Amino acid sequence: MTLGKLATDSTDHIVTPAELAGTPLPLLLEVWHLHLSALVASAPSPAELLPDGWRRGHALDALALGEAIVESVRAGRWATAVDALTEGASVADVAKAMGLEAAEVACEISYWARAQCMVDLMTQLRCIEIITMLLADRDGAR
């Protein structure tokens, strides 16, 4: 994704959040804020005439950027949850921070770790370490 595609004065509007995949989160946040600011600053007034579709384009861009931001943050959540566990947080602590149930967090982390291992993004040893942490937490050994 190029900055040109994200520019707030562009007539080439974003169609889907998928077009933003891989865009760094700071850039997504910056451009999302610019589009929202353009919408607020351009609230219709009788004295102003804006090009047809201008506000619609900014609204659609802000929506797509917002969804891409959510996806970007959600994509890293299980790795961050594992970081918290590794540093001594309990599954219950992680669940509370995420607004989830402990059983759901343990299940999702286990699934995530196995999936990472299957596509060679994590070693089998690290996957076993994570599962062991989850089991120890469940059994009260942590």
Foldseek 3Di string as FASTA:
>chain_A
DDVQQLDLVDPNADDALVVVPPPDLVSLVVSLVVLVVVLVVPPDDPVDDDPPCSNVRSVNRNVRSVVNNVVVVVVCLLVVLLVCLVVPDALCRSCVVVVHDSVVSLVVNLVVLVVCCVVVVDPPVVSVVSNVSSVCSVVVND
